[in-house]
C-alpha atoms as a PDB file:
ATOM      1  CA  MET A   1      75.218 155.779  90.457  1.00  0.00           C
ATOM      2  CA  THR A   2      73.905 157.802  93.367  1.00  0.00           C
ATOM      3  CA  ILE A   3      74.648 157.159  97.028  1.00  0.00           C
ATOM      4  CA  TYR A   4      71.179 155.631  97.317  1.00  0.00           C
ATOM      5  CA  ASP A   5      72.028 153.184  94.513  1.00  0.00           C
ATOM      6  CA  TRP A   6      75.175 152.155  96.367  1.00  0.00           C
ATOM      7  CA  PHE A   7      73.118 151.583  99.509  1.00  0.00           C
ATOM      8  CA  ILE A   8      70.816 149.272  97.540  1.00  0.00           C
ATOM      9  CA  PHE A   9      73.790 147.480  95.973  1.00  0.00           C
ATOM     10  CA  PHE A  10      75.493 146.774  99.293  1.00  0.00           C
ATOM     11  CA  GLY A  11      72.123 145.890 100.799  1.00  0.00           C
ATOM     12  CA  GLY A  12      71.709 143.324  98.031  1.00  0.00           C
ATOM     13  CA  ILE A  13      75.122 141.843  98.848  1.00  0.00           C
ATOM     14  CA  GLY A  14      74.198 141.712 102.533  1.00  0.00           C
ATOM     15  CA  LEU A  15      70.864 140.063 101.788  1.00  0.00           C
ATOM     16  CA  PHE A  16      72.584 137.518  99.528  1.00  0.00           C
ATOM     17  CA  LEU A  17      75.214 136.641 102.151  1.00  0.00           C
ATOM     18  CA  TYR A  18      72.656 136.442 104.955  1.00  0.00           C
ATOM     19  CA  GLY A  19      70.422 134.275 102.788  1.00  0.00           C
ATOM     20  CA  MET A  20      73.301 131.833 102.253  1.00  0.00           C
ATOM     21  CA  SER A  21      73.944 131.793 106.008  1.00  0.00           C
ATOM     22  CA  ILE A  22      70.287 131.052 106.794  1.00  0.00           C
ATOM     23  CA  MET A  23      70.223 128.287 104.169  1.00  0.00           C
ATOM     24  CA  SER A  24      73.318 126.713 105.713  1.00  0.00           C
ATOM     25  CA  THR A  25      71.774 126.867 109.194  1.00  0.00           C
ATOM     26  CA  GLY A  26      68.533 125.363 107.922  1.00  0.00           C
ATOM     27  CA  PHE A  27      70.280 122.464 106.222  1.00  0.00           C
ATOM     28  CA  ARG A  28      72.264 121.735 109.376  1.00  0.00           C
ATOM     29  CA  ASN A  29      69.097 121.765 111.478  1.00  0.00           C
ATOM     30  CA  VAL A  30      67.428 119.333 109.084  1.00  0.00           C
ATOM     31  CA  PHE A  31      70.326 116.917 108.674  1.00  0.00           C
ATOM     32  CA  GLY A  32      72.070 117.374 112.040  1.00  0.00           C
ATOM     33  CA  ASP A  33      74.916 114.945 112.640  1.00  0.00           C
ATOM     34  CA  LYS A  34      74.098 113.085 109.428  1.00  0.00           C
ATOM     35  CA  LEU A  35      76.556 115.350 107.611  1.00  0.00           C
ATOM     36  CA  LYS A  36      79.421 113.879 109.613  1.00  0.00           C
ATOM     37  CA  GLY A  37      78.170 110.379 108.905  1.00  0.00           C
ATOM     38  CA  ILE A  38      78.007 111.067 105.171  1.00  0.00           C
ATOM     39  CA  LEU A  39      81.567 112.365 105.161  1.00  0.00           C
ATOM     40  CA  GLU A  40      82.795 109.411 107.201  1.00  0.00           C
ATOM     41  CA  GLY A  41      81.120 107.140 104.667  1.00  0.00           C
ATOM     42  CA  ALA A  42      83.412 108.341 101.877  1.00  0.00           C
ATOM     43  CA  THR A  43      85.241 105.092 101.089  1.00  0.00           C
ATOM     44  CA  LYS A  44      88.341 104.473  99.022  1.00  0.00           C
ATOM     45  CA  ASN A  45      86.152 104.773  95.942  1.00  0.00           C
ATOM     46  CA  ARG A  46      87.265 108.149  94.576  1.00  0.00           C
ATOM     47  CA  VAL A  47      84.119 108.661  92.526  1.00  0.00           C
ATOM     48  CA  ARG A  48      82.000 108.254  95.642  1.00  0.00           C
ATOM     49  CA  ALA A  49      84.289 110.622  97.554  1.00  0.00           C
ATOM     50  CA  VAL A  50      83.798 113.300  94.871  1.00  0.00           C
ATOM     51  CA  LEU A  51      80.016 112.820  94.979  1.00  0.00           C
ATOM     52  CA  VAL A  52      80.057 113.079  98.777  1.00  0.00           C
ATOM     53  CA  GLY A  53      81.989 116.360  98.608  1.00  0.00           C
ATOM     54  CA  LEU A  54      79.563 117.725  96.020  1.00  0.00           C
ATOM     55  CA  LEU A  55      76.520 116.705  98.095  1.00  0.00           C
ATOM     56  CA  ILE A  56      77.848 118.172 101.351  1.00  0.00           C
ATOM     57  CA  THR A  57      78.709 121.481  99.694  1.00  0.00           C
ATOM     58  CA  LEU A  58      75.247 121.736  98.144  1.00  0.00           C
ATOM     59  CA  ILE A  59      73.720 121.058 101.562  1.00  0.00           C
ATOM     60  CA  ILE A  60      75.727 123.523 103.640  1.00  0.00           C
ATOM     61  CA  GLN A  61      76.369 126.015 100.799  1.00  0.00           C
ATOM     62  CA  SER A  62      80.043 126.370 101.704  1.00  0.00           C
ATOM     63  CA  SER A  63      82.996 124.568 100.140  1.00  0.00           C
ATOM     64  CA  SER A  64      85.233 126.131 102.810  1.00  0.00           C
ATOM     65  CA  ALA A  65      83.209 124.501 105.591  1.00  0.00           C
ATOM     66  CA  THR A  66      83.407 121.154 103.771  1.00  0.00           C
ATOM     67  CA  ASP A  67      87.184 121.506 103.409  1.00  0.00           C
ATOM     68  CA  LEU A  68      87.569 122.312 107.117  1.00  0.00           C
ATOM     69  CA  MET A  69      85.548 119.237 108.118  1.00  0.00           C
ATOM     70  CA  VAL A  70      87.647 117.056 105.813  1.00  0.00           C
ATOM     71  CA  ILE A  71      90.886 118.440 107.265  1.00  0.00           C
ATOM     72  CA  GLY A  72      89.621 117.608 110.747  1.00  0.00           C
ATOM     73  CA  PHE A  73      88.814 114.033 109.697  1.00  0.00           C
ATOM     74  CA  VAL A  74      92.274 113.588 108.152  1.00  0.00           C
ATOM     75  CA  ASN A  75      93.985 114.914 111.284  1.00  0.00           C
ATOM     76  CA  SER A  76      92.002 112.501 113.450  1.00  0.00           C
ATOM     77  CA  GLY A  77      92.778 109.538 111.190  1.00  0.00           C
ATOM     78  CA  MET A  78      89.114 109.012 110.235  1.00  0.00           C
ATOM     79  CA  MET A  79      89.843 109.708 106.573  1.00  0.00           C
ATOM     80  CA  THR A  80      92.889 109.131 104.375  1.00  0.00           C
ATOM     81  CA  LEU A  81      94.547 111.833 102.303  1.00  0.00           C
ATOM     82  CA  SER A  82      93.404 110.095  99.113  1.00  0.00           C
ATOM     83  CA  GLN A  83      89.770 110.189 100.279  1.00  0.00           C
ATOM     84  CA  ALA A  84      90.139 113.812 101.353  1.00  0.00           C
ATOM     85  CA  ILE A  85      91.384 114.876  97.904  1.00  0.00           C
ATOM     86  CA  GLY A  86      88.305 113.345  96.284  1.00  0.00           C
ATOM     87  CA  VAL A  87      85.923 115.025  98.723  1.00  0.00           C
ATOM     88  CA  ILE A  88      87.622 118.418  98.274  1.00  0.00           C
ATOM     89  CA  MET A  89      87.377 118.066  94.482  1.00  0.00           C
ATOM     90  CA  GLY A  90      83.683 117.347  94.891  1.00  0.00           C
ATOM     91  CA  ALA A  91      83.329 120.409  97.142  1.00  0.00           C
ATOM     92  CA  ASN A  92      84.784 122.605  94.408  1.00  0.00           C
ATOM     93  CA  ILE A  93      82.331 121.141  91.899  1.00  0.00           C
ATOM     94  CA  GLY A  94      79.505 121.715  94.368  1.00  0.00           C
ATOM     95  CA  THR A  95      80.302 125.396  94.729  1.00  0.00           C
ATOM     96  CA  THR A  96      80.157 125.834  90.943  1.00  0.00           C
ATOM     97  CA  VAL A  97      76.721 124.160  90.921  1.00  0.00           C
ATOM     98  CA  THR A  98      75.624 126.705  93.535  1.00  0.00           C
ATOM     99  CA  ALA A  99      76.811 129.499  91.260  1.00  0.00           C
ATOM    100  CA  GLN A 100      74.844 128.007  88.357  1.00  0.00           C
ATOM    101  CA  ILE A 101      71.680 127.856  90.458  1.00  0.00           C
ATOM    102  CA  THR A 102      72.023 131.534  91.330  1.00  0.00           C
ATOM    103  CA  ALA A 103      72.448 132.372  87.645  1.00  0.00           C
ATOM    104  CA  PHE A 104      68.839 131.412  86.962  1.00  0.00           C
ATOM    105  CA  ASN A 105      66.588 134.453  86.775  1.00  0.00           C
ATOM    106  CA  ILE A 106      63.854 133.594  89.287  1.00  0.00           C
ATOM    107  CA  GLY A 107      64.017 136.821  91.283  1.00  0.00           C
ATOM    108  CA  ALA A 108      60.296 137.390  90.698  1.00  0.00           C
ATOM    109  CA  PHE A 109      59.540 134.424  92.979  1.00  0.00           C
ATOM    110  CA  ALA A 110      61.916 135.534  95.753  1.00  0.00           C
ATOM    111  CA  PRO A 111      59.239 137.325  97.861  1.00  0.00           C
ATOM    112  CA  LEU A 112      57.070 134.181  97.724  1.00  0.00           C
ATOM    113  CA  PHE A 113      59.964 132.033  98.959  1.00  0.00           C
ATOM    114  CA  ILE A 114      60.632 134.491 101.788  1.00  0.00           C
ATOM    115  CA  PHE A 115      56.946 134.470 102.797  1.00  0.00           C
ATOM    116  CA  ILE A 116      56.635 130.673 102.774  1.00  0.00           C
ATOM    117  CA  GLY A 117      59.888 130.274 104.684  1.00  0.00           C
ATOM    118  CA  ALA A 118      58.859 132.856 107.284  1.00  0.00           C
ATOM    119  CA  VAL A 119      55.515 131.102 107.840  1.00  0.00           C
ATOM    120  CA  LEU A 120      57.261 127.765 108.413  1.00  0.00           C
ATOM    121  CA  VAL A 121      59.835 129.277 110.778  1.00  0.00           C
ATOM    122  CA  LEU A 122      57.380 131.354 112.811  1.00  0.00           C
ATOM    123  CA  PHE A 123      54.342 129.092 113.044  1.00  0.00           C
ATOM    124  CA  MET A 124      55.608 125.498 112.842  1.00  0.00           C
ATOM    125  CA  LYS A 125      56.849 123.693 115.953  1.00  0.00           C
ATOM    126  CA  ARG A 126      58.898 120.815 114.527  1.00  0.00           C
ATOM    127  CA  GLN A 127      62.573 121.690 114.255  1.00  0.00           C
ATOM    128  CA  SER A 128      62.930 119.847 110.959  1.00  0.00           C
ATOM    129  CA  VAL A 129      60.104 121.924 109.457  1.00  0.00           C
ATOM    130  CA  LYS A 130      61.640 125.108 110.834  1.00  0.00           C
ATOM    131  CA  GLY A 131      64.930 124.056 109.251  1.00  0.00           C
ATOM    132  CA  ALA A 132      63.212 123.578 105.895  1.00  0.00           C
ATOM    133  CA  GLY A 133      61.624 127.014 106.358  1.00  0.00           C
ATOM    134  CA  ASN A 134      65.079 128.522 106.903  1.00  0.00           C
ATOM    135  CA  VAL A 135      66.274 126.903 103.683  1.00  0.00           C
ATOM    136  CA  ILE A 136      63.326 128.272 101.685  1.00  0.00           C
ATOM    137  CA  MET A 137      63.549 131.718 103.264  1.00  0.00           C
ATOM    138  CA  GLY A 138      67.324 131.821 102.751  1.00  0.00           C
ATOM    139  CA  LEU A 139      66.866 130.894  99.098  1.00  0.00           C
ATOM    140  CA  GLY A 140      64.357 133.725  98.702  1.00  0.00           C
ATOM    141  CA  MET A 141      66.727 136.218 100.353  1.00  0.00           C
ATOM    142  CA  LEU A 142      69.538 134.992  98.139  1.00  0.00           C
ATOM    143  CA  PHE A 143      67.605 135.624  94.924  1.00  0.00           C
ATOM    144  CA  GLN A 144      66.180 138.900  96.211  1.00  0.00           C
ATOM    145  CA  GLY A 145      69.718 140.077  96.931  1.00  0.00           C
ATOM    146  CA  ILE A 146      70.787 139.124  93.410  1.00  0.00           C
ATOM    147  CA  SER A 147      67.847 141.069  91.962  1.00  0.00           C
ATOM    148  CA  LEU A 148      68.811 144.157  93.967  1.00  0.00           C
ATOM    149  CA  MET A 149      72.417 143.921  92.810  1.00  0.00           C
ATOM    150  CA  LYS A 150      71.444 143.487  89.163  1.00  0.00           C
ATOM    151  CA  SER A 151      69.056 146.444  89.273  1.00  0.00           C
ATOM    152  CA  THR A 152      71.640 148.839  90.709  1.00  0.00           C
ATOM    153  CA  ILE A 153      74.877 147.909  88.940  1.00  0.00           C
ATOM    154  CA  ALA A 154      73.551 148.414  85.406  1.00  0.00           C
ATOM    155  CA  PRO A 155      74.310 152.192  85.521  1.00  0.00           C
ATOM    156  CA  LEU A 156      77.941 151.333  86.314  1.00  0.00           C
ATOM    157  CA  ALA A 157      78.384 150.350  82.676  1.00  0.00           C
ATOM    158  CA  GLN A 158      77.995 154.043  81.808  1.00  0.00           C
ATOM    159  CA  THR A 159      80.301 155.315  84.567  1.00  0.00           C
ATOM    160  CA  GLU A 160      83.591 156.573  83.160  1.00  0.00           C
ATOM    161  CA  ALA A 161      85.562 155.977  86.360  1.00  0.00           C
ATOM    162  CA  PHE A 162      84.466 152.340  86.596  1.00  0.00           C
ATOM    163  CA  ILE A 163      85.118 151.743  82.889  1.00  0.00           C
ATOM    164  CA  ASN A 164      88.638 153.128  83.317  1.00  0.00           C
ATOM    165  CA  PHE A 165      89.148 150.884  86.353  1.00  0.00           C
ATOM    166  CA  LEU A 166      88.133 147.788  84.401  1.00  0.00           C
ATOM    167  CA  SER A 167      90.326 148.866  81.488  1.00  0.00           C
ATOM    168  CA  ALA A 168      93.269 148.886  83.875  1.00  0.00           C
ATOM    169  CA  LEU A 169      92.404 145.273  84.716  1.00  0.00           C
ATOM    170  CA  SER A 170      92.526 144.060  81.115  1.00  0.00           C
ATOM    171  CA  ASN A 171      95.677 142.115  81.943  1.00  0.00           C
ATOM    172  CA  PRO A 172      94.648 138.504  82.775  1.00  0.00           C
ATOM    173  CA  PHE A 173      97.117 138.362  85.657  1.00  0.00           C
ATOM    174  CA  ALA A 174      95.661 141.550  87.167  1.00  0.00           C
ATOM    175  CA  LEU A 175      92.148 140.117  86.793  1.00  0.00           C
ATOM    176  CA  VAL A 176      93.171 136.937  88.617  1.00  0.00           C
ATOM    177  CA  LEU A 177      94.646 138.980  91.471  1.00  0.00           C
ATOM    178  CA  PHE A 178      91.468 141.088  91.626  1.00  0.00           C
ATOM    179  CA  GLY A 179      89.350 137.925  91.823  1.00  0.00           C
ATOM    180  CA  ILE A 180      91.548 136.527  94.603  1.00  0.00           C
ATOM    181  CA  ALA A 181      91.385 139.757  96.613  1.00  0.00           C
ATOM    182  CA  PHE A 182      87.624 140.131  96.119  1.00  0.00           C
ATOM    183  CA  THR A 183      86.914 136.541  97.167  1.00  0.00           C
ATOM    184  CA  ALA A 184      89.225 136.831 100.175  1.00  0.00           C
ATOM    185  CA  LEU A 185      87.327 139.955 101.209  1.00  0.00           C
ATOM    186  CA  LEU A 186      83.920 138.243 100.976  1.00  0.00           C
ATOM    187  CA  GLN A 187      85.173 134.848 102.210  1.00  0.00           C
ATOM    188  CA  SER A 188      82.855 133.211  99.687  1.00  0.00           C
ATOM    189  CA  SER A 189      83.719 132.146  96.152  1.00  0.00           C
ATOM    190  CA  SER A 190      80.015 131.617  95.387  1.00  0.00           C
ATOM    191  CA  SER A 191      79.221 135.197  96.396  1.00  0.00           C
ATOM    192  CA  ALA A 192      82.073 136.591  94.313  1.00  0.00           C
ATOM    193  CA  THR A 193      80.986 134.512  91.320  1.00  0.00           C
ATOM    194  CA  VAL A 194      77.399 135.735  91.574  1.00  0.00           C
ATOM    195  CA  ILE A 195      78.506 139.377  91.724  1.00  0.00           C
ATOM    196  CA  PHE A 196      80.728 138.932  88.666  1.00  0.00           C
ATOM    197  CA  GLN A 197      77.852 137.162  86.902  1.00  0.00           C
ATOM    198  CA  ALA A 198      75.731 140.239  87.543  1.00  0.00           C
ATOM    199  CA  PHE A 199      78.498 142.410  86.114  1.00  0.00           C
ATOM    200  CA  ALA A 200      78.637 140.242  82.981  1.00  0.00           C
ATOM    201  CA  VAL A 201      74.856 140.278  82.494  1.00  0.00           C
ATOM    202  CA  SER A 202      74.894 144.088  82.728  1.00  0.00           C
ATOM    203  CA  GLY A 203      77.668 144.342  80.160  1.00  0.00           C
ATOM    204  CA  ILE A 204      80.212 145.701  82.638  1.00  0.00           C
ATOM    205  CA  LEU A 205      82.485 142.702  82.233  1.00  0.00           C
ATOM    206  CA  THR A 206      83.052 140.675  79.067  1.00  0.00           C
ATOM    207  CA  TYR A 207      83.189 136.915  79.013  1.00  0.00           C
END
């Protein structure tokens, strides 16, 4: 890979992360304080608590943010520990659903999503419509970032240095530590999963 390829790769990561951030902002603008109400509505029914955690994570695109809100509710006595466990389990399921969505190959439609979202954000006056535009535009940026990453990391499969590096990580324990460090660096398990998915699709990583 050339320096230019690395620029494109990191640009794709940046576009992906920024797209997730815009989506999260858009969802919050659309739903507002309803998110808090949904979380508060998690009753002693554990199944419902799991579904609530899944729904919130899909809306705000961040299991970490869901966990932080739940911790705040437990500290304030608005939610029991049993309810919190169910919601957090649902949040973890929700983040895997996000990863599955990003695995779909719809990068060809990303520019259209970005265009539609930009039109809604720039030319519509209602905040709810602008929020929906942010969601659509963020989704387009997310998939465009994935496309950029996939197009630039394929040559890595032929790079001797990178192959040797992955060979050194053949130990499952070393791979787990690498995944922990990589996710801690990005502060997003969904982002890390998408990048590793791109590696697997390109043949750099095995299943």
